[in-house]
Amino acid sequence: MYSIDPVALPKPPERIACTHGESLTGIYSINDGTTTLEISINHEELYLTVSKMYGVPYKFKLLPVSHEAGRTTCITEMIHEQLVFHYVSSGEAECLEYTDYYGVKHIGSRVRL
């Protein structure tokens, strides 16, 4: 008789409160302007809208997981993607590092609110 050991799944990251979500919202340009990411707020939750296969836009809930001086890290709820927002001295997000599902890092700059 075979015994099956339960698979140990990694502990999900702990979500933190994001009281400065408004400062993250806007349109960010990546890949030399060929792709845009939109960060929005709906019912006090952050969302990422990004075009995926065949240019179809998808909207993913963002979960803030860490906040340090000068940056906030969020992950998407449904797929394995990460966004690290970097701030200027005024507290507004200036740019971001976007790590897509394939592990490819992209640098984006904010183009408008």
C-alpha atoms as a PDB file:
ATOM      1  CA  MET A   1       0.000   0.000   0.000  1.00  0.00           C
ATOM      2  CA  TYR A   2       1.255   3.451  -0.910  1.00  0.00           C
ATOM      3  CA  SER A   3       1.101   6.385   1.405  1.00  0.00           C
ATOM      4  CA  ILE A   4       0.898   9.879   0.055  1.00  0.00           C
ATOM      5  CA  ASP A   5       2.480  12.682   2.004  1.00  0.00           C
ATOM      6  CA  PRO A   6       0.596  15.950   1.844  1.00  0.00           C
ATOM      7  CA  VAL A   7       2.260  18.545  -0.313  1.00  0.00           C
ATOM      8  CA  ALA A   8       3.480  21.522   1.657  1.00  0.00           C
ATOM      9  CA  LEU A   9       2.300  24.650  -0.077  1.00  0.00           C
ATOM     10  CA  PRO A  10       4.092  27.923   0.559  1.00  0.00           C
ATOM     11  CA  LYS A  11       2.444  30.217   3.049  1.00  0.00           C
ATOM     12  CA  PRO A  12       0.536  32.962   1.240  1.00  0.00           C
ATOM     13  CA  PRO A  13       2.040  36.401   1.730  1.00  0.00           C
ATOM     14  CA  GLU A  14       0.446  38.532   4.397  1.00  0.00           C
ATOM     15  CA  ARG A  15      -1.487  41.423   2.977  1.00  0.00           C
ATOM     16  CA  ILE A  16      -0.825  44.835   4.465  1.00  0.00           C
ATOM     17  CA  ALA A  17      -3.091  47.874   4.629  1.00  0.00           C
ATOM     18  CA  CYS A  18      -2.456  50.320   1.811  1.00  0.00           C
ATOM     19  CA  THR A  19      -3.457  53.778   2.978  1.00  0.00           C
ATOM     20  CA  HIS A  20      -1.700  55.531   0.088  1.00  0.00           C
ATOM     21  CA  GLY A  21      -3.312  53.698  -2.844  1.00  0.00           C
ATOM     22  CA  GLU A  22      -4.337  56.971  -4.494  1.00  0.00           C
ATOM     23  CA  SER A  23      -0.663  57.846  -4.974  1.00  0.00           C
ATOM     24  CA  LEU A  24      -0.153  54.648  -7.013  1.00  0.00           C
ATOM     25  CA  THR A  25      -3.010  55.095  -9.474  1.00  0.00           C
ATOM     26  CA  GLY A  26      -2.392  56.139 -13.051  1.00  0.00           C
ATOM     27  CA  ILE A  27      -1.034  54.954 -16.374  1.00  0.00           C
ATOM     28  CA  TYR A  28       2.501  53.558 -16.577  1.00  0.00           C
ATOM     29  CA  SER A  29       4.405  53.017 -19.812  1.00  0.00           C
ATOM     30  CA  ILE A  30       6.699  49.982 -20.208  1.00  0.00           C
ATOM     31  CA  ASN A  31       8.651  48.398 -23.073  1.00  0.00           C
ATOM     32  CA  ASP A  32       9.555  51.740 -24.682  1.00  0.00           C
ATOM     33  CA  GLY A  33       5.920  52.840 -24.746  1.00  0.00           C
ATOM     34  CA  THR A  34       4.532  49.791 -26.537  1.00  0.00           C
ATOM     35  CA  THR A  35       2.679  48.555 -23.437  1.00  0.00           C
ATOM     36  CA  THR A  36       0.753  50.383 -20.743  1.00  0.00           C
ATOM     37  CA  LEU A  37      -0.315  49.325 -17.278  1.00  0.00           C
ATOM     38  CA  GLU A  38      -3.243  51.005 -15.567  1.00  0.00           C
ATOM     39  CA  ILE A  39      -3.468  51.075 -11.792  1.00  0.00           C
ATOM     40  CA  SER A  40      -6.921  51.959 -10.479  1.00  0.00           C
ATOM     41  CA  ILE A  41      -8.946  51.871  -7.266  1.00  0.00           C
ATOM     42  CA  ASN A  42     -12.400  50.320  -6.992  1.00  0.00           C
ATOM     43  CA  HIS A  43     -14.138  49.964  -3.603  1.00  0.00           C
ATOM     44  CA  GLU A  44     -10.869  50.835  -1.832  1.00  0.00           C
ATOM     45  CA  GLU A  45      -9.020  47.974  -3.582  1.00  0.00           C
ATOM     46  CA  LEU A  46      -6.120  48.397  -6.039  1.00  0.00           C
ATOM     47  CA  TYR A  47      -6.373  46.854  -9.523  1.00  0.00           C
ATOM     48  CA  LEU A  48      -3.950  46.329 -12.399  1.00  0.00           C
ATOM     49  CA  THR A  49      -5.264  46.390 -15.975  1.00  0.00           C
ATOM     50  CA  VAL A  50      -2.811  45.051 -18.545  1.00  0.00           C
ATOM     51  CA  SER A  51      -3.123  43.622 -22.054  1.00  0.00           C
ATOM     52  CA  LYS A  52      -2.289  39.945 -22.319  1.00  0.00           C
ATOM     53  CA  MET A  53      -2.509  37.468 -25.206  1.00  0.00           C
ATOM     54  CA  TYR A  54      -3.860  38.976 -28.448  1.00  0.00           C
ATOM     55  CA  GLY A  55      -4.047  42.395 -26.789  1.00  0.00           C
ATOM     56  CA  VAL A  56      -7.005  41.480 -24.590  1.00  0.00           C
ATOM     57  CA  PRO A  57      -7.047  43.648 -21.437  1.00  0.00           C
ATOM     58  CA  TYR A  58      -7.260  41.797 -18.129  1.00  0.00           C
ATOM     59  CA  LYS A  59      -7.947  43.295 -14.718  1.00  0.00           C
ATOM     60  CA  PHE A  60      -6.246  41.771 -11.667  1.00  0.00           C
ATOM     61  CA  LYS A  61      -6.671  42.674  -8.015  1.00  0.00           C
ATOM     62  CA  LEU A  62      -3.442  43.885  -6.410  1.00  0.00           C
ATOM     63  CA  LEU A  63      -2.489  42.785  -2.920  1.00  0.00           C
ATOM     64  CA  PRO A  64      -0.016  45.077  -1.137  1.00  0.00           C
ATOM     65  CA  VAL A  65       2.514  42.852   0.659  1.00  0.00           C
ATOM     66  CA  SER A  66       5.263  45.245   1.791  1.00  0.00           C
ATOM     67  CA  HIS A  67       5.894  48.942   2.259  1.00  0.00           C
ATOM     68  CA  GLU A  68       9.254  50.521   2.972  1.00  0.00           C
ATOM     69  CA  ALA A  69      10.576  54.048   2.699  1.00  0.00           C
ATOM     70  CA  GLY A  70      10.468  54.866  -0.995  1.00  0.00           C
ATOM     71  CA  ARG A  71       8.683  51.765  -2.282  1.00  0.00           C
ATOM     72  CA  THR A  72       5.630  49.527  -2.056  1.00  0.00           C
ATOM     73  CA  THR A  73       5.424  45.947  -3.339  1.00  0.00           C
ATOM     74  CA  CYS A  74       2.163  44.403  -4.590  1.00  0.00           C
ATOM     75  CA  ILE A  75       1.351  41.026  -6.081  1.00  0.00           C
ATOM     76  CA  THR A  76      -1.597  40.063  -8.259  1.00  0.00           C
ATOM     77  CA  GLU A  77      -4.273  37.923  -6.700  1.00  0.00           C
ATOM     78  CA  MET A  78      -4.879  35.425  -9.525  1.00  0.00           C
ATOM     79  CA  ILE A  79      -1.558  35.004 -11.338  1.00  0.00           C
ATOM     80  CA  HIS A  80       2.071  35.197 -10.279  1.00  0.00           C
ATOM     81  CA  GLU A  81       3.004  38.796 -11.111  1.00  0.00           C
ATOM     82  CA  GLN A  82       4.577  41.496  -8.983  1.00  0.00           C
ATOM     83  CA  LEU A  83       4.732  45.285  -9.056  1.00  0.00           C
ATOM     84  CA  VAL A  84       7.203  47.373  -7.057  1.00  0.00           C
ATOM     85  CA  PHE A  85       6.285  51.062  -6.983  1.00  0.00           C
ATOM     86  CA  HIS A  86       9.063  53.608  -6.386  1.00  0.00           C
ATOM     87  CA  TYR A  87       8.283  57.052  -4.928  1.00  0.00           C
ATOM     88  CA  VAL A  88       9.699  60.526  -5.316  1.00  0.00           C
ATOM     89  CA  SER A  89      10.179  62.755  -2.278  1.00  0.00           C
ATOM     90  CA  SER A  90       6.624  64.151  -2.605  1.00  0.00           C
ATOM     91  CA  GLY A  91       5.216  60.669  -1.949  1.00  0.00           C
ATOM     92  CA  GLU A  92       3.841  60.118  -5.470  1.00  0.00           C
ATOM     93  CA  ALA A  93       4.759  56.949  -7.374  1.00  0.00           C
ATOM     94  CA  GLU A  94       7.193  57.844 -10.144  1.00  0.00           C
ATOM     95  CA  CYS A  95       8.029  54.477 -11.676  1.00  0.00           C
ATOM     96  CA  LEU A  96       7.533  50.765 -11.176  1.00  0.00           C
ATOM     97  CA  GLU A  97       9.189  47.421 -11.709  1.00  0.00           C
ATOM     98  CA  TYR A  98       6.725  44.953 -13.229  1.00  0.00           C
ATOM     99  CA  THR A  99       7.621  41.260 -13.112  1.00  0.00           C
ATOM    100  CA  ASP A 100       5.295  39.372 -15.430  1.00  0.00           C
ATOM    101  CA  TYR A 101       4.048  35.793 -15.265  1.00  0.00           C
ATOM    102  CA  TYR A 102       7.162  34.530 -17.091  1.00  0.00           C
ATOM    103  CA  GLY A 103       9.539  36.191 -14.622  1.00  0.00           C
ATOM    104  CA  VAL A 104      10.578  38.932 -17.047  1.00  0.00           C
ATOM    105  CA  LYS A 105      11.177  42.304 -15.362  1.00  0.00           C
ATOM    106  CA  HIS A 106       9.991  45.498 -17.034  1.00  0.00           C
ATOM    107  CA  ILE A 107      10.642  49.064 -15.901  1.00  0.00           C
ATOM    108  CA  GLY A 108       7.768  51.493 -16.314  1.00  0.00           C
ATOM    109  CA  SER A 109       7.394  55.212 -15.838  1.00  0.00           C
ATOM    110  CA  ARG A 110       4.233  57.041 -14.910  1.00  0.00           C
ATOM    111  CA  VAL A 111       2.793  58.922 -17.856  1.00  0.00           C
ATOM    112  CA  ARG A 112      -0.432  60.293 -16.350  1.00  0.00           C
ATOM    113  CA  LEU A 113      -2.820  60.098 -13.436  1.00  0.00           C
END
